[in-house]
């Protein structure tokens, strides 16, 4: 079964850090671009950052630039999102997803990246509060 499962969310104080994980099963994650997205109630899901198969990454939200890092561990078939200097406005459900088709680079436009998503994970909640 093709599946992505996120983990690592939780409650963190402002200024803190978290590492989110995205574990893939049923397919080889390194063959696909991987994106991280976030969504708050009442708003559309928005792309945060995407990494292609060459590990070149694109950040889509100016306010998180320099505070997020996307990476992979191919041996574990897992992608990661490191969040640092977290702010209350970073609180959201974070999702990972694959870019389709296999090998496609991440689009440069946040609008376009939402059009090429294949498999979604179920999401992990990040809460930033003191």
Foldseek 3Di string as FASTA:
>chain_A
DWAWAKDWADEAAQQAKTKIKIATPPDQLLQWKKWKWWDDPPDDIWTAKIAFSVRDMAGADPVQVVQWDKDDDRVRSMIMIMGGSDDQVVWGWMKMFTFDDGRDGQDNHRVVNVVGTDHIHPTDTHGYHD
